[in-house]
N, C-alpha and C. Protein backbone atom coordinates (compact mmCIF):
# COMPACT_ATOMS: atom_id res chain seq x y z
N MET A 1 18.37 109.23 -59.67
CA MET A 1 19.39 110.24 -59.45
C MET A 1 19.03 111.02 -58.18
N LEU A 2 20.01 111.35 -57.41
CA LEU A 2 19.80 112.11 -56.19
C LEU A 2 19.49 113.56 -56.53
N ARG A 3 18.52 114.09 -55.80
CA ARG A 3 18.24 115.52 -55.96
C ARG A 3 19.33 116.29 -55.25
N LYS A 4 19.43 117.57 -55.58
CA LYS A 4 20.43 118.41 -54.93
C LYS A 4 20.05 118.56 -53.46
N LEU A 5 20.97 118.24 -52.57
CA LEU A 5 20.70 118.27 -51.14
C LEU A 5 21.41 119.43 -50.47
N LYS A 6 20.73 120.07 -49.54
CA LYS A 6 21.38 121.07 -48.70
C LYS A 6 22.18 120.32 -47.65
N MET A 7 23.11 121.00 -47.00
CA MET A 7 23.98 120.33 -46.04
C MET A 7 23.19 119.63 -44.94
N GLY A 8 22.16 120.29 -44.37
CA GLY A 8 21.34 119.66 -43.33
C GLY A 8 20.62 118.44 -43.86
N ASP A 9 20.13 118.54 -45.09
CA ASP A 9 19.44 117.42 -45.72
C ASP A 9 20.41 116.27 -45.97
N LEU A 10 21.64 116.60 -46.34
CA LEU A 10 22.64 115.59 -46.61
C LEU A 10 22.94 114.79 -45.34
N GLY A 11 23.06 115.48 -44.22
CA GLY A 11 23.30 114.79 -42.95
C GLY A 11 22.17 113.84 -42.60
N LYS A 12 20.93 114.31 -42.79
CA LYS A 12 19.76 113.47 -42.52
C LYS A 12 19.73 112.26 -43.45
N PHE A 13 20.08 112.49 -44.72
CA PHE A 13 20.11 111.41 -45.71
C PHE A 13 21.13 110.35 -45.30
N ILE A 14 22.32 110.78 -44.91
CA ILE A 14 23.39 109.85 -44.52
C ILE A 14 22.97 109.06 -43.28
N VAL A 15 22.42 109.75 -42.28
CA VAL A 15 21.98 109.06 -41.06
C VAL A 15 20.89 108.05 -41.38
N LYS A 16 19.94 108.44 -42.20
CA LYS A 16 18.83 107.54 -42.55
C LYS A 16 19.33 106.27 -43.24
N LYS A 17 20.23 106.43 -44.19
CA LYS A 17 20.77 105.27 -44.91
C LYS A 17 21.65 104.42 -44.00
N THR A 18 22.41 105.07 -43.11
CA THR A 18 23.26 104.33 -42.17
C THR A 18 22.41 103.51 -41.22
N VAL A 19 21.34 104.10 -40.70
CA VAL A 19 20.45 103.38 -39.78
C VAL A 19 19.80 102.20 -40.50
N ALA A 20 19.42 102.37 -41.75
CA ALA A 20 18.83 101.27 -42.51
C ALA A 20 19.85 100.13 -42.67
N LEU A 21 21.10 100.48 -43.00
CA LEU A 21 22.14 99.46 -43.13
C LEU A 21 22.43 98.78 -41.79
N MET A 22 22.46 99.55 -40.72
CA MET A 22 22.70 98.98 -39.39
C MET A 22 21.58 98.01 -39.02
N THR A 23 20.35 98.37 -39.34
CA THR A 23 19.20 97.51 -39.05
C THR A 23 19.31 96.22 -39.86
N LEU A 24 19.62 96.34 -41.12
CA LEU A 24 19.79 95.17 -41.97
C LEU A 24 20.91 94.29 -41.45
N TRP A 25 22.01 94.90 -41.05
CA TRP A 25 23.16 94.16 -40.50
C TRP A 25 22.75 93.40 -39.23
N MET A 26 22.01 94.08 -38.32
CA MET A 26 21.56 93.42 -37.08
C MET A 26 20.73 92.19 -37.40
N ILE A 27 19.80 92.35 -38.33
CA ILE A 27 18.91 91.26 -38.70
C ILE A 27 19.68 90.14 -39.39
N SER A 28 20.79 90.48 -40.05
CA SER A 28 21.60 89.44 -40.70
C SER A 28 22.29 88.56 -39.67
N LYS A 29 22.54 89.10 -38.48
CA LYS A 29 23.21 88.34 -37.42
C LYS A 29 22.27 87.35 -36.75
N LYS A 30 21.02 87.79 -36.56
CA LYS A 30 19.98 86.91 -36.01
C LYS A 30 18.64 87.58 -36.25
N PRO A 31 17.57 86.79 -36.38
CA PRO A 31 16.25 87.40 -36.56
C PRO A 31 15.90 88.31 -35.38
N HIS A 32 15.21 89.39 -35.68
CA HIS A 32 14.82 90.38 -34.67
C HIS A 32 13.35 90.74 -34.82
N THR A 33 12.74 91.08 -33.70
CA THR A 33 11.44 91.74 -33.73
C THR A 33 11.71 93.25 -33.78
N GLY A 34 10.69 94.02 -34.08
CA GLY A 34 10.85 95.47 -34.06
C GLY A 34 11.29 95.96 -32.69
N TYR A 35 10.70 95.39 -31.66
CA TYR A 35 11.05 95.77 -30.29
C TYR A 35 12.52 95.49 -30.01
N GLU A 36 13.04 94.36 -30.48
CA GLU A 36 14.45 94.03 -30.27
C GLU A 36 15.37 95.00 -31.01
N VAL A 37 14.95 95.46 -32.19
CA VAL A 37 15.72 96.45 -32.93
C VAL A 37 15.78 97.75 -32.13
N ILE A 38 14.62 98.17 -31.62
CA ILE A 38 14.56 99.40 -30.82
C ILE A 38 15.47 99.28 -29.60
N LYS A 39 15.41 98.16 -28.90
CA LYS A 39 16.22 97.96 -27.70
C LYS A 39 17.72 97.96 -28.04
N ALA A 40 18.09 97.37 -29.17
CA ALA A 40 19.50 97.34 -29.58
C ALA A 40 20.01 98.75 -29.85
N PHE A 41 19.23 99.56 -30.55
CA PHE A 41 19.64 100.95 -30.80
C PHE A 41 19.71 101.73 -29.49
N SER A 42 18.72 101.53 -28.64
CA SER A 42 18.68 102.22 -27.36
C SER A 42 19.90 101.88 -26.51
N ALA A 43 20.30 100.62 -26.52
CA ALA A 43 21.48 100.19 -25.75
C ALA A 43 22.75 100.88 -26.23
N GLU A 44 22.73 101.37 -27.47
CA GLU A 44 23.88 102.09 -28.04
C GLU A 44 23.72 103.60 -27.91
N GLY A 45 22.71 104.01 -27.16
CA GLY A 45 22.50 105.45 -26.96
C GLY A 45 21.71 106.13 -28.07
N MET A 46 21.17 105.35 -28.98
CA MET A 46 20.40 105.92 -30.09
C MET A 46 18.92 105.94 -29.72
N HIS A 47 18.59 106.79 -28.76
CA HIS A 47 17.24 106.82 -28.20
C HIS A 47 16.21 107.41 -29.16
N ALA A 48 16.67 108.04 -30.22
CA ALA A 48 15.74 108.59 -31.21
C ALA A 48 15.11 107.49 -32.06
N MET A 49 15.64 106.27 -31.96
CA MET A 49 15.08 105.15 -32.72
C MET A 49 13.88 104.58 -31.98
N THR A 50 12.78 105.31 -32.09
CA THR A 50 11.54 104.98 -31.41
C THR A 50 10.68 104.09 -32.31
N PRO A 51 9.60 103.54 -31.77
CA PRO A 51 8.70 102.74 -32.61
C PRO A 51 8.23 103.48 -33.86
N SER A 52 8.01 104.79 -33.74
CA SER A 52 7.53 105.54 -34.91
C SER A 52 8.57 105.67 -36.00
N ARG A 53 9.81 105.34 -35.70
CA ARG A 53 10.87 105.34 -36.73
C ARG A 53 11.25 103.92 -37.15
N VAL A 54 11.28 103.01 -36.20
CA VAL A 54 11.75 101.65 -36.49
C VAL A 54 10.73 100.86 -37.30
N TYR A 55 9.47 100.88 -36.89
CA TYR A 55 8.48 100.06 -37.59
C TYR A 55 8.27 100.48 -39.05
N PRO A 56 8.22 101.78 -39.36
CA PRO A 56 8.15 102.15 -40.78
C PRO A 56 9.41 101.73 -41.56
N LEU A 57 10.57 101.79 -40.91
CA LEU A 57 11.81 101.35 -41.56
C LEU A 57 11.74 99.85 -41.87
N LEU A 58 11.29 99.06 -40.91
CA LEU A 58 11.17 97.62 -41.12
C LEU A 58 10.16 97.32 -42.23
N ALA A 59 9.06 98.06 -42.25
CA ALA A 59 8.06 97.87 -43.31
C ALA A 59 8.65 98.21 -44.68
N LYS A 60 9.45 99.26 -44.73
CA LYS A 60 10.10 99.65 -45.99
C LYS A 60 11.10 98.58 -46.44
N LEU A 61 11.91 98.10 -45.50
CA LEU A 61 12.87 97.04 -45.84
C LEU A 61 12.15 95.78 -46.32
N GLU A 62 11.01 95.50 -45.70
CA GLU A 62 10.24 94.32 -46.12
C GLU A 62 9.64 94.54 -47.51
N LYS A 63 9.09 95.72 -47.75
CA LYS A 63 8.51 96.04 -49.06
C LYS A 63 9.57 95.96 -50.16
N GLU A 64 10.80 96.38 -49.84
CA GLU A 64 11.90 96.36 -50.81
C GLU A 64 12.49 94.96 -50.97
N GLY A 65 12.04 94.00 -50.16
CA GLY A 65 12.53 92.63 -50.27
C GLY A 65 13.85 92.37 -49.55
N MET A 66 14.26 93.31 -48.69
CA MET A 66 15.53 93.14 -47.95
C MET A 66 15.36 92.23 -46.74
N VAL A 67 14.18 92.25 -46.14
CA VAL A 67 13.86 91.39 -45.01
C VAL A 67 12.49 90.77 -45.26
N SER A 68 12.24 89.67 -44.56
CA SER A 68 10.90 89.08 -44.58
C SER A 68 10.42 89.02 -43.14
N GLY A 69 9.16 89.34 -42.95
CA GLY A 69 8.58 89.32 -41.62
C GLY A 69 7.59 88.18 -41.49
N LEU A 70 7.64 87.52 -40.36
CA LEU A 70 6.74 86.41 -40.10
C LEU A 70 6.06 86.65 -38.76
N ALA A 71 4.72 86.66 -38.77
CA ALA A 71 3.98 86.86 -37.53
C ALA A 71 4.06 85.57 -36.69
N GLU A 72 4.25 85.77 -35.41
CA GLU A 72 4.37 84.64 -34.49
C GLU A 72 3.68 85.01 -33.18
N ALA A 73 3.01 84.06 -32.58
CA ALA A 73 2.37 84.30 -31.29
C ALA A 73 3.40 84.06 -30.18
N ARG A 74 3.48 85.02 -29.27
CA ARG A 74 4.32 84.90 -28.08
C ARG A 74 3.42 85.20 -26.89
N GLY A 75 2.96 84.14 -26.26
CA GLY A 75 1.99 84.32 -25.19
C GLY A 75 0.70 84.86 -25.78
N LYS A 76 0.21 85.94 -25.23
CA LYS A 76 -1.03 86.56 -25.72
C LYS A 76 -0.76 87.56 -26.84
N ARG A 77 0.49 87.80 -27.13
CA ARG A 77 0.86 88.81 -28.13
C ARG A 77 1.27 88.17 -29.44
N LYS A 78 1.02 88.92 -30.50
CA LYS A 78 1.56 88.56 -31.81
C LYS A 78 2.73 89.48 -32.08
N VAL A 79 3.83 88.92 -32.50
CA VAL A 79 5.00 89.72 -32.87
C VAL A 79 5.38 89.36 -34.29
N ARG A 80 6.11 90.25 -34.91
CA ARG A 80 6.61 90.00 -36.26
C ARG A 80 8.11 89.85 -36.15
N ILE A 81 8.61 88.72 -36.63
CA ILE A 81 10.04 88.42 -36.58
C ILE A 81 10.61 88.62 -37.98
N TYR A 82 11.66 89.43 -38.04
CA TYR A 82 12.26 89.78 -39.33
C TYR A 82 13.54 88.98 -39.55
N ASN A 83 13.64 88.42 -40.76
CA ASN A 83 14.82 87.68 -41.21
C ASN A 83 15.35 88.38 -42.46
N ILE A 84 16.64 88.29 -42.65
CA ILE A 84 17.23 88.87 -43.87
C ILE A 84 16.94 87.94 -45.04
N THR A 85 16.75 88.51 -46.19
CA THR A 85 16.52 87.75 -47.42
C THR A 85 17.83 87.68 -48.22
N PRO A 86 17.88 86.84 -49.24
CA PRO A 86 19.06 86.83 -50.10
C PRO A 86 19.34 88.22 -50.71
N ALA A 87 18.29 88.94 -51.07
CA ALA A 87 18.48 90.30 -51.62
C ALA A 87 19.07 91.22 -50.56
N GLY A 88 18.66 91.06 -49.32
CA GLY A 88 19.20 91.86 -48.23
C GLY A 88 20.68 91.57 -48.01
N ARG A 89 21.04 90.29 -48.05
CA ARG A 89 22.46 89.91 -47.91
C ARG A 89 23.29 90.49 -49.04
N LYS A 90 22.73 90.43 -50.25
CA LYS A 90 23.44 90.96 -51.42
C LYS A 90 23.67 92.47 -51.25
N ASN A 91 22.65 93.19 -50.77
CA ASN A 91 22.80 94.63 -50.57
C ASN A 91 23.81 94.95 -49.48
N LEU A 92 23.85 94.16 -48.42
CA LEU A 92 24.87 94.36 -47.38
C LEU A 92 26.27 94.16 -47.97
N CYS A 93 26.41 93.16 -48.80
CA CYS A 93 27.71 92.89 -49.44
C CYS A 93 28.12 94.05 -50.35
N ILE A 94 27.18 94.54 -51.12
CA ILE A 94 27.45 95.68 -52.01
C ILE A 94 27.85 96.90 -51.19
N ALA A 95 27.10 97.16 -50.12
CA ALA A 95 27.40 98.32 -49.26
C ALA A 95 28.78 98.18 -48.64
N SER A 96 29.12 96.97 -48.22
CA SER A 96 30.43 96.73 -47.62
C SER A 96 31.55 97.02 -48.62
N LYS A 97 31.38 96.52 -49.82
CA LYS A 97 32.39 96.77 -50.86
C LYS A 97 32.48 98.25 -51.19
N LEU A 98 31.33 98.92 -51.26
CA LEU A 98 31.30 100.33 -51.59
C LEU A 98 31.98 101.17 -50.50
N LEU A 99 31.67 100.85 -49.24
CA LEU A 99 32.19 101.65 -48.12
C LEU A 99 33.63 101.30 -47.75
N CYS A 100 34.12 100.15 -48.18
CA CYS A 100 35.45 99.70 -47.75
C CYS A 100 36.51 99.84 -48.83
N SER A 101 36.14 100.32 -50.01
CA SER A 101 37.12 100.38 -51.09
C SER A 101 37.61 101.81 -51.32
N GLY A 102 38.80 101.90 -51.86
CA GLY A 102 39.35 103.19 -52.27
C GLY A 102 39.42 104.22 -51.17
N MET A 103 39.18 105.47 -51.55
CA MET A 103 39.27 106.58 -50.61
C MET A 103 38.21 106.44 -49.50
N LYS A 104 37.01 105.96 -49.87
CA LYS A 104 35.96 105.78 -48.86
C LYS A 104 36.43 104.80 -47.79
N GLY A 105 37.06 103.73 -48.20
CA GLY A 105 37.56 102.74 -47.25
C GLY A 105 38.63 103.31 -46.34
N ARG A 106 39.54 104.06 -46.93
CA ARG A 106 40.59 104.69 -46.11
C ARG A 106 39.99 105.68 -45.13
N PHE A 107 39.02 106.46 -45.60
CA PHE A 107 38.35 107.44 -44.74
C PHE A 107 37.70 106.74 -43.55
N PHE A 108 36.89 105.72 -43.81
CA PHE A 108 36.19 105.05 -42.72
C PHE A 108 37.15 104.33 -41.77
N ARG A 109 38.18 103.69 -42.32
CA ARG A 109 39.16 103.03 -41.43
C ARG A 109 39.84 104.05 -40.53
N GLU A 110 40.23 105.19 -41.10
CA GLU A 110 40.89 106.22 -40.29
C GLU A 110 39.93 106.80 -39.25
N MET A 111 38.72 107.09 -39.67
CA MET A 111 37.75 107.68 -38.74
C MET A 111 37.37 106.72 -37.63
N LEU A 112 37.29 105.44 -37.94
CA LEU A 112 36.88 104.46 -36.95
C LEU A 112 38.01 104.02 -36.04
N HIS A 113 39.24 104.11 -36.50
CA HIS A 113 40.36 103.58 -35.73
C HIS A 113 41.26 104.64 -35.12
N ARG A 114 41.03 105.88 -35.44
CA ARG A 114 41.92 106.89 -34.89
C ARG A 114 41.66 107.07 -33.40
N LYS A 115 42.68 107.45 -32.72
CA LYS A 115 42.54 107.70 -31.30
C LYS A 115 41.95 109.09 -31.12
N MET A 116 40.94 109.13 -30.31
CA MET A 116 40.32 110.42 -30.02
C MET A 116 41.17 111.13 -28.98
N THR A 117 41.57 112.35 -29.31
CA THR A 117 42.38 113.13 -28.37
C THR A 117 41.54 114.27 -27.82
N ALA A 118 41.85 114.64 -26.62
CA ALA A 118 41.11 115.73 -25.99
C ALA A 118 41.46 117.03 -26.66
N VAL A 119 40.45 117.83 -26.90
CA VAL A 119 40.66 119.15 -27.48
C VAL A 119 41.02 120.09 -26.34
N GLY A 120 42.08 120.81 -26.49
CA GLY A 120 42.44 121.65 -25.37
C GLY A 120 43.34 122.68 -25.73
């Protein structure tokens, strides 16, 4: 059960869960290293997604069985390549159904597709 959240905590909670879902979604499209995840977020202007945030998230997703990591040598470096697991795919499917149905679905469709107008 969720503890009672203050408004600031609620925003952090939503962002944290959204970033986890986005990471899982990225890995579902193709295997990624932690560095590739960081670069993908950075390319979208999400510069707060630093190694100190991404690597613990990937470790958590791996511990929860959502992704599997495999160490691989690339030149002189060892990297860990993350793949989505069947449990990870199932959770993405559940999240998609949850976020796309009923009022939540209408809310997200409207928020994502509405034309942004200048405030003036």
